[in-house]
C-alpha atoms as a PDB file:
ATOM      1  CA  MET A   1       0.179  -0.164   0.006  1.00  0.00           C
ATOM      2  CA  ASP A   2       1.098   3.421  -0.824  1.00  0.00           C
ATOM      3  CA  PRO A   3       2.693   5.044   2.359  1.00  0.00           C
ATOM      4  CA  LYS A   4       0.703   8.320   1.794  1.00  0.00           C
ATOM      5  CA  THR A   5      -2.655   6.404   1.317  1.00  0.00           C
ATOM      6  CA  GLN A   6      -1.929   4.422   4.506  1.00  0.00           C
ATOM      7  CA  ALA A   7      -1.148   7.592   6.454  1.00  0.00           C
ATOM      8  CA  GLY A   8      -4.421   9.230   5.224  1.00  0.00           C
ATOM      9  CA  GLU A   9      -6.382   6.106   6.328  1.00  0.00           C
ATOM     10  CA  THR A  10      -4.633   6.109   9.826  1.00  0.00           C
ATOM     11  CA  LYS A  11      -5.287   9.804  10.143  1.00  0.00           C
ATOM     12  CA  GLY A  12      -8.966   9.237   9.285  1.00  0.00           C
ATOM     13  CA  SER A  13      -9.336   6.222  11.851  1.00  0.00           C
ATOM     14  CA  THR A  14      -7.737   8.423  14.600  1.00  0.00           C
ATOM     15  CA  GLU A  15     -10.149  11.364  13.961  1.00  0.00           C
ATOM     16  CA  ALA A  16     -12.996   8.850  13.903  1.00  0.00           C
ATOM     17  CA  ASP A  17     -11.899   7.439  17.144  1.00  0.00           C
ATOM     18  CA  LEU A  18     -11.595  10.866  18.647  1.00  0.00           C
ATOM     19  CA  GLY A  19     -15.098  11.929  17.478  1.00  0.00           C
ATOM     20  CA  ARG A  20     -16.449   8.727  18.990  1.00  0.00           C
ATOM     21  CA  ALA A  21     -14.779   9.463  22.189  1.00  0.00           C
ATOM     22  CA  GLY A  22     -16.040  12.998  22.273  1.00  0.00           C
ATOM     23  CA  ALA A  23     -19.625  11.650  21.724  1.00  0.00           C
ATOM     24  CA  ALA A  24     -19.342   9.278  24.344  1.00  0.00           C
ATOM     25  CA  VAL A  25     -18.294  11.781  26.878  1.00  0.00           C
ATOM     26  CA  LYS A  26     -21.016  14.352  25.844  1.00  0.00           C
ATOM     27  CA  GLU A  27     -23.669  11.629  26.255  1.00  0.00           C
ATOM     28  CA  GLY A  28     -22.290  10.615  29.742  1.00  0.00           C
ATOM     29  CA  VAL A  29     -21.975  14.083  30.746  1.00  0.00           C
ATOM     30  CA  VAL A  30     -25.573  14.791  29.794  1.00  0.00           C
ATOM     31  CA  ARG A  31     -26.808  11.775  31.466  1.00  0.00           C
ATOM     32  CA  SER A  32     -24.911  12.838  34.809  1.00  0.00           C
ATOM     33  CA  LEU A  33     -26.304  16.421  34.653  1.00  0.00           C
ATOM     34  CA  LYS A  34     -29.774  15.010  34.204  1.00  0.00           C
ATOM     35  CA  GLY A  35     -29.175  12.838  37.098  1.00  0.00           C
ATOM     36  CA  LEU A  36     -27.772  15.852  39.246  1.00  0.00           C
ATOM     37  CA  ASN A  37     -30.839  17.728  38.284  1.00  0.00           C
ATOM     38  CA  GLU A  38     -33.144  15.044  39.469  1.00  0.00           C
ATOM     39  CA  ILE A  39     -31.061  14.589  42.791  1.00  0.00           C
ATOM     40  CA  GLU A  40     -31.433  18.237  43.347  1.00  0.00           C
ATOM     41  CA  ALA A  41     -35.072  18.471  42.768  1.00  0.00           C
ATOM     42  CA  ASP A  42     -35.624  15.465  45.223  1.00  0.00           C
ATOM     43  CA  ILE A  43     -33.821  17.219  47.841  1.00  0.00           C
ATOM     44  CA  VAL A  44     -35.734  20.613  47.449  1.00  0.00           C
ATOM     45  CA  SER A  45     -39.002  18.297  47.624  1.00  0.00           C
ATOM     46  CA  LEU A  46     -37.881  16.483  50.511  1.00  0.00           C
ATOM     47  CA  VAL A  47     -36.789  19.306  52.624  1.00  0.00           C
ATOM     48  CA  ARG A  48     -39.683  21.706  51.624  1.00  0.00           C
ATOM     49  CA  ASN A  49     -42.353  19.195  52.585  1.00  0.00           C
ATOM     50  CA  THR A  50     -40.650  18.219  55.805  1.00  0.00           C
ATOM     51  CA  VAL A  51     -40.411  21.785  56.837  1.00  0.00           C
ATOM     52  CA  ALA A  52     -43.880  22.828  55.860  1.00  0.00           C
ATOM     53  CA  ASP A  53     -45.433  19.550  57.604  1.00  0.00           C
ATOM     54  CA  SER A  54     -43.476  20.376  60.665  1.00  0.00           C
ATOM     55  CA  LEU A  55     -44.266  24.115  60.919  1.00  0.00           C
ATOM     56  CA  LYS A  56     -48.160  23.263  60.367  1.00  0.00           C
ATOM     57  CA  LEU A  57     -48.226  21.599  63.886  1.00  0.00           C
ATOM     58  CA  SER A  58     -46.529  24.552  65.654  1.00  0.00           C
ATOM     59  CA  ALA A  59     -48.313  27.297  67.601  1.00  0.00           C
ATOM     60  CA  ASP A  60     -45.141  29.255  67.689  1.00  0.00           C
ATOM     61  CA  LEU A  61     -44.338  29.714  63.943  1.00  0.00           C
ATOM     62  CA  ALA A  62     -41.499  32.052  64.253  1.00  0.00           C
ATOM     63  CA  GLY A  63     -39.658  30.242  67.196  1.00  0.00           C
ATOM     64  CA  MET A  64     -40.353  26.933  65.549  1.00  0.00           C
ATOM     65  CA  SER A  65     -39.016  27.966  62.108  1.00  0.00           C
ATOM     66  CA  LEU A  66     -35.760  29.204  63.614  1.00  0.00           C
ATOM     67  CA  ASN A  67     -35.015  25.958  65.472  1.00  0.00           C
ATOM     68  CA  LEU A  68     -36.226  23.607  62.762  1.00  0.00           C
ATOM     69  CA  THR A  69     -33.933  25.656  60.234  1.00  0.00           C
ATOM     70  CA  THR A  70     -31.090  24.958  62.516  1.00  0.00           C
ATOM     71  CA  GLU A  71     -31.746  21.153  62.747  1.00  0.00           C
ATOM     72  CA  VAL A  72     -32.497  20.622  59.168  1.00  0.00           C
ATOM     73  CA  VAL A  73     -29.108  22.407  58.091  1.00  0.00           C
ATOM     74  CA  LYS A  74     -27.367  20.042  60.594  1.00  0.00           C
ATOM     75  CA  GLY A  75     -28.931  17.016  59.394  1.00  0.00           C
ATOM     76  CA  ALA A  76     -27.910  17.851  55.926  1.00  0.00           C
ATOM     77  CA  ILE A  77     -24.227  18.360  57.033  1.00  0.00           C
ATOM     78  CA  ARG A  78     -24.496  15.198  58.905  1.00  0.00           C
ATOM     79  CA  ALA A  79     -25.777  13.363  55.996  1.00  0.00           C
ATOM     80  CA  THR A  80     -22.801  14.534  53.802  1.00  0.00           C
ATOM     81  CA  GLU A  81     -20.230  13.636  56.462  1.00  0.00           C
ATOM     82  CA  GLU A  82     -21.656  10.191  56.658  1.00  0.00           C
ATOM     83  CA  VAL A  83     -21.317   9.621  52.716  1.00  0.00           C
ATOM     84  CA  GLY A  84     -18.046  11.721  52.611  1.00  0.00           C
ATOM     85  CA  THR A  85     -19.019  14.156  50.073  1.00  0.00           C
ATOM     86  CA  GLY A  86     -21.955  16.093  48.673  1.00  0.00           C
ATOM     87  CA  LEU A  87     -22.076  19.319  50.903  1.00  0.00           C
ATOM     88  CA  ILE A  88     -21.538  21.978  48.165  1.00  0.00           C
ATOM     89  CA  LEU A  89     -23.923  20.144  45.839  1.00  0.00           C
ATOM     90  CA  SER A  90     -26.718  19.864  48.456  1.00  0.00           C
ATOM     91  CA  THR A  91     -26.523  23.156  50.053  1.00  0.00           C
ATOM     92  CA  LYS A  92     -28.419  25.092  47.600  1.00  0.00           C
ATOM     93  CA  SER A  93     -31.242  22.392  47.448  1.00  0.00           C
ATOM     94  CA  VAL A  94     -31.520  22.228  51.081  1.00  0.00           C
ATOM     95  CA  THR A  95     -31.658  26.096  51.456  1.00  0.00           C
ATOM     96  CA  LYS A  96     -34.113  26.279  48.721  1.00  0.00           C
ATOM     97  CA  GLY A  97     -36.276  23.664  50.351  1.00  0.00           C
ATOM     98  CA  ILE A  98     -36.225  25.414  53.870  1.00  0.00           C
ATOM     99  CA  ILE A  99     -37.224  28.728  52.434  1.00  0.00           C
ATOM    100  CA  MET A 100     -40.048  27.439  50.239  1.00  0.00           C
ATOM    101  CA  GLY A 101     -41.423  25.216  53.124  1.00  0.00           C
ATOM    102  CA  VAL A 102     -41.206  28.101  55.357  1.00  0.00           C
ATOM    103  CA  GLY A 103     -43.217  30.060  52.571  1.00  0.00           C
ATOM    104  CA  ASP A 104     -45.679  27.386  52.094  1.00  0.00           C
ATOM    105  CA  VAL A 105     -47.144  27.969  55.871  1.00  0.00           C
ATOM    106  CA  GLY A 106     -46.822  31.793  55.659  1.00  0.00           C
ATOM    107  CA  GLY A 107     -43.701  32.140  57.598  1.00  0.00           C
ATOM    108  CA  ASP A 108     -40.969  34.778  57.415  1.00  0.00           C
ATOM    109  CA  VAL A 109     -38.985  33.776  54.536  1.00  0.00           C
ATOM    110  CA  VAL A 110     -36.662  36.784  54.770  1.00  0.00           C
ATOM    111  CA  GLY A 111     -35.763  36.035  58.259  1.00  0.00           C
ATOM    112  CA  MET A 112     -35.241  32.334  57.471  1.00  0.00           C
ATOM    113  CA  ALA A 113     -33.048  33.178  54.513  1.00  0.00           C
ATOM    114  CA  SER A 114     -30.572  34.902  56.842  1.00  0.00           C
ATOM    115  CA  GLN A 115     -30.782  32.106  59.435  1.00  0.00           C
ATOM    116  CA  THR A 116     -30.326  29.284  56.978  1.00  0.00           C
ATOM    117  CA  VAL A 117     -27.391  30.798  55.282  1.00  0.00           C
ATOM    118  CA  LYS A 118     -25.806  31.481  58.491  1.00  0.00           C
ATOM    119  CA  GLY A 119     -26.398  27.891  59.650  1.00  0.00           C
ATOM    120  CA  ALA A 120     -24.792  26.504  56.278  1.00  0.00           C
ATOM    121  CA  VAL A 121     -21.748  28.664  56.616  1.00  0.00           C
ATOM    122  CA  LYS A 122     -21.151  27.717  60.356  1.00  0.00           C
ATOM    123  CA  GLY A 123     -21.751  23.994  59.574  1.00  0.00           C
ATOM    124  CA  ALA A 124     -19.444  24.194  56.619  1.00  0.00           C
ATOM    125  CA  SER A 125     -16.610  25.282  58.819  1.00  0.00           C
ATOM    126  CA  GLU A 126     -17.162  22.783  61.423  1.00  0.00           C
ATOM    127  CA  VAL A 127     -16.680  19.849  59.088  1.00  0.00           C
ATOM    128  CA  GLY A 128     -13.636  21.626  57.178  1.00  0.00           C
ATOM    129  CA  ALA A 129     -15.624  22.343  53.959  1.00  0.00           C
ATOM    130  CA  ASP A 130     -14.957  25.568  51.697  1.00  0.00           C
ATOM    131  CA  VAL A 131     -16.923  28.264  53.652  1.00  0.00           C
ATOM    132  CA  SER A 132     -17.071  30.476  50.627  1.00  0.00           C
ATOM    133  CA  LEU A 133     -18.400  27.857  48.092  1.00  0.00           C
ATOM    134  CA  VAL A 134     -21.053  26.770  50.651  1.00  0.00           C
ATOM    135  CA  ALA A 135     -22.021  30.291  51.239  1.00  0.00           C
ATOM    136  CA  ARG A 136     -22.319  30.815  47.491  1.00  0.00           C
ATOM    137  CA  ARG A 137     -24.485  27.904  47.108  1.00  0.00           C
ATOM    138  CA  ALA A 138     -26.727  28.717  49.980  1.00  0.00           C
ATOM    139  CA  VAL A 139     -27.386  32.208  48.586  1.00  0.00           C
ATOM    140  CA  ASP A 140     -28.245  30.696  45.377  1.00  0.00           C
ATOM    141  CA  GLY A 141     -30.630  28.553  46.802  1.00  0.00           C
ATOM    142  CA  VAL A 142     -32.024  31.489  48.502  1.00  0.00           C
ATOM    143  CA  ILE A 143     -32.685  33.394  45.319  1.00  0.00           C
ATOM    144  CA  GLU A 144     -34.093  30.637  43.393  1.00  0.00           C
ATOM    145  CA  ALA A 145     -36.740  30.129  46.079  1.00  0.00           C
ATOM    146  CA  ALA A 146     -37.496  33.745  46.376  1.00  0.00           C
ATOM    147  CA  LYS A 147     -38.290  33.524  42.516  1.00  0.00           C
ATOM    148  CA  GLU A 148     -40.460  30.599  42.716  1.00  0.00           C
ATOM    149  CA  ILE A 149     -42.487  31.767  45.840  1.00  0.00           C
ATOM    150  CA  GLY A 150     -42.718  35.417  44.267  1.00  0.00           C
ATOM    151  CA  VAL A 151     -40.951  37.466  46.636  1.00  0.00           C
ATOM    152  CA  SER A 152     -38.199  40.018  45.933  1.00  0.00           C
ATOM    153  CA  ALA A 153     -35.264  38.073  44.889  1.00  0.00           C
ATOM    154  CA  GLU A 154     -32.930  41.136  45.295  1.00  0.00           C
ATOM    155  CA  ASP A 155     -34.105  41.816  48.777  1.00  0.00           C
ATOM    156  CA  MET A 156     -33.812  38.060  49.657  1.00  0.00           C
ATOM    157  CA  ALA A 157     -30.139  38.100  48.200  1.00  0.00           C
ATOM    158  CA  LYS A 158     -29.148  41.154  50.285  1.00  0.00           C
ATOM    159  CA  VAL A 159     -30.293  39.430  53.466  1.00  0.00           C
ATOM    160  CA  ALA A 160     -28.692  36.115  52.652  1.00  0.00           C
ATOM    161  CA  VAL A 161     -25.526  37.663  51.712  1.00  0.00           C
ATOM    162  CA  GLY A 162     -25.501  39.686  54.975  1.00  0.00           C
ATOM    163  CA  GLY A 163     -26.146  36.614  56.851  1.00  0.00           C
ATOM    164  CA  ALA A 164     -23.241  34.873  55.047  1.00  0.00           C
ATOM    165  CA  ILE A 165     -20.666  37.483  55.837  1.00  0.00           C
ATOM    166  CA  GLU A 166     -21.859  37.880  59.528  1.00  0.00           C
ATOM    167  CA  ALA A 167     -21.374  34.045  59.995  1.00  0.00           C
ATOM    168  CA  ALA A 168     -18.125  33.896  58.220  1.00  0.00           C
ATOM    169  CA  GLY A 169     -16.932  36.948  60.409  1.00  0.00           C
ATOM    170  CA  THR A 170     -17.403  34.734  63.551  1.00  0.00           C
ATOM    171  CA  ILE A 171     -15.185  32.134  62.069  1.00  0.00           C
ATOM    172  CA  GLY A 172     -12.103  34.356  61.251  1.00  0.00           C
ATOM    173  CA  VAL A 173     -10.704  37.136  59.240  1.00  0.00           C
ATOM    174  CA  THR A 174      -9.810  34.779  56.324  1.00  0.00           C
ATOM    175  CA  ALA A 175     -13.245  33.224  56.026  1.00  0.00           C
ATOM    176  CA  ALA A 176     -14.865  36.582  56.000  1.00  0.00           C
ATOM    177  CA  LYS A 177     -12.733  37.774  53.201  1.00  0.00           C
ATOM    178  CA  ALA A 178     -13.295  34.667  51.204  1.00  0.00           C
ATOM    179  CA  VAL A 179     -16.916  34.917  51.686  1.00  0.00           C
ATOM    180  CA  ARG A 180     -17.022  38.543  50.692  1.00  0.00           C
ATOM    181  CA  GLY A 181     -15.082  37.957  47.541  1.00  0.00           C
ATOM    182  CA  MET A 182     -17.334  34.996  46.503  1.00  0.00           C
ATOM    183  CA  LEU A 183     -20.488  36.941  47.183  1.00  0.00           C
ATOM    184  CA  ALA A 184     -19.343  40.282  45.764  1.00  0.00           C
ATOM    185  CA  GLY A 185     -22.018  41.901  43.358  1.00  0.00           C
ATOM    186  CA  VAL A 186     -24.643  38.970  43.902  1.00  0.00           C
ATOM    187  CA  ALA A 187     -27.407  41.292  45.007  1.00  0.00           C
ATOM    188  CA  GLU A 188     -26.516  43.704  42.373  1.00  0.00           C
ATOM    189  CA  GLY A 189     -26.412  41.223  39.651  1.00  0.00           C
ATOM    190  CA  VAL A 190     -29.965  40.056  40.631  1.00  0.00           C
ATOM    191  CA  ARG A 191     -31.247  43.546  40.284  1.00  0.00           C
ATOM    192  CA  ASP A 192     -29.487  43.893  36.912  1.00  0.00           C
ATOM    193  CA  LEU A 193     -31.167  40.607  35.802  1.00  0.00           C
ATOM    194  CA  ALA A 194     -34.546  41.723  36.905  1.00  0.00           C
ATOM    195  CA  GLY A 195     -34.134  45.048  35.120  1.00  0.00           C
ATOM    196  CA  ALA A 196     -33.033  43.426  31.876  1.00  0.00           C
ATOM    197  CA  ALA A 197     -36.227  41.218  32.071  1.00  0.00           C
ATOM    198  CA  PHE A 198     -38.451  44.185  33.087  1.00  0.00           C
ATOM    199  CA  PRO A 199     -37.004  47.140  31.256  1.00  0.00           C
ATOM    200  CA  ALA A 200     -38.543  50.572  32.487  1.00  0.00           C
ATOM    201  CA  LYS A 201     -40.909  52.187  30.116  1.00  0.00           C
ATOM    202  CA  PRO A 202     -39.729  55.558  28.876  1.00  0.00           C
ATOM    203  CA  PRO A 203     -42.012  58.516  30.522  1.00  0.00           C
ATOM    204  CA  ALA A 204     -44.532  59.984  28.066  1.00  0.00           C
ATOM    205  CA  GLY A 205     -43.329  63.455  27.359  1.00  0.00           C
ATOM    206  CA  PRO A 206     -43.865  66.259  24.722  1.00  0.00           C
ATOM    207  CA  PRO A 207     -42.903  65.777  21.102  1.00  0.00           C
ATOM    208  CA  PRO A 208     -39.377  66.109  20.055  1.00  0.00           C
ATOM    209  CA  SER A 209     -39.717  69.731  19.349  1.00  0.00           C
ATOM    210  CA  GLY A 210     -40.333  70.264  22.906  1.00  0.00           C
ATOM    211  CA  ARG A 211     -43.594  72.048  22.240  1.00  0.00           C
ATOM    212  CA  PRO A 212     -46.999  70.394  22.181  1.00  0.00           C
ATOM    213  CA  GLU A 213     -48.454  69.775  18.782  1.00  0.00           C
ATOM    214  CA  LYS A 214     -51.552  71.858  17.756  1.00  0.00           C
ATOM    215  CA  SER A 215     -54.477  70.085  16.242  1.00  0.00           C
ATOM    216  CA  THR A 216     -56.443  71.820  13.571  1.00  0.00           C
ATOM    217  CA  PRO A 217     -60.256  71.660  14.184  1.00  0.00           C
ATOM    218  CA  SER A 218     -62.381  70.232  11.654  1.00  0.00           C
ATOM    219  CA  GLU A 219     -65.142  72.253  10.032  1.00  0.00           C
ATOM    220  CA  ALA A 220     -67.630  70.534  12.189  1.00  0.00           C
ATOM    221  CA  GLU A 221     -65.911  71.572  15.317  1.00  0.00           C
ATOM    222  CA  LYS A 222     -65.616  75.159  14.421  1.00  0.00           C
ATOM    223  CA  PRO A 223     -68.279  77.689  15.728  1.00  0.00           C
ATOM    224  CA  ALA A 224     -71.110  78.464  13.361  1.00  0.00           C
ATOM    225  CA  ASP A 225     -69.934  82.105  12.751  1.00  0.00           C
ATOM    226  CA  GLN A 226     -66.541  80.981  11.656  1.00  0.00           C
ATOM    227  CA  ARG A 227     -67.978  78.466   9.410  1.00  0.00           C
ATOM    228  CA  ARG A 228     -69.878  81.147   7.675  1.00  0.00           C
ATOM    229  CA  LYS A 229     -66.769  83.257   7.289  1.00  0.00           C
ATOM    230  CA  THR A 230     -64.834  80.651   5.656  1.00  0.00           C
ATOM    231  CA  LYS A 231     -67.580  79.782   3.007  1.00  0.00           C
ATOM    232  CA  GLU A 232     -67.800  83.583   2.293  1.00  0.00           C
END
């Protein structure tokens, strides 16, 4: 076989193998991402229903919400410790589920946003996880929940970011700096997205010349004496 022909066939075979490898990886990643989405949705549903069902039985909604939120966050952290991974992945879903569960029973979702993020940050520090990443995931969960339950995502983001920074400050200067850096501009970003989705309408003003346009009355609108003068 001609060396050039053989080299061409080898190159074509290699390119085909690379193409198949790329397609296989793509399909695997798609399946994995779909699986992750399903897992996150299951966690949100579990936490939401658990929180809502527990709060329905409480006479002290505010006090119970705070205590329940603390226990749910601790439970999620203990679960990830037992498995050995998953804290950063699950934090957003757990936070989102808590906020939505509190909202289902008419609780203070704004107050719970701050407390939930604080609990997540402190819990991450206790198990040696990346505090800044956990803080960001928790804030993302708050923002997603706010959008779904119909409250101001910008206001919720500000409260959540404040709670994260406050909790990080109790851990240490390094943690506080890392969390501030990770969450810089989050609330402003939410506001910008909202502005892009619902742009403000320009105020109604005078014509470009700056003077109101004068309309010429029709013959029927003129007084009778003026109509006679026009005819004459």
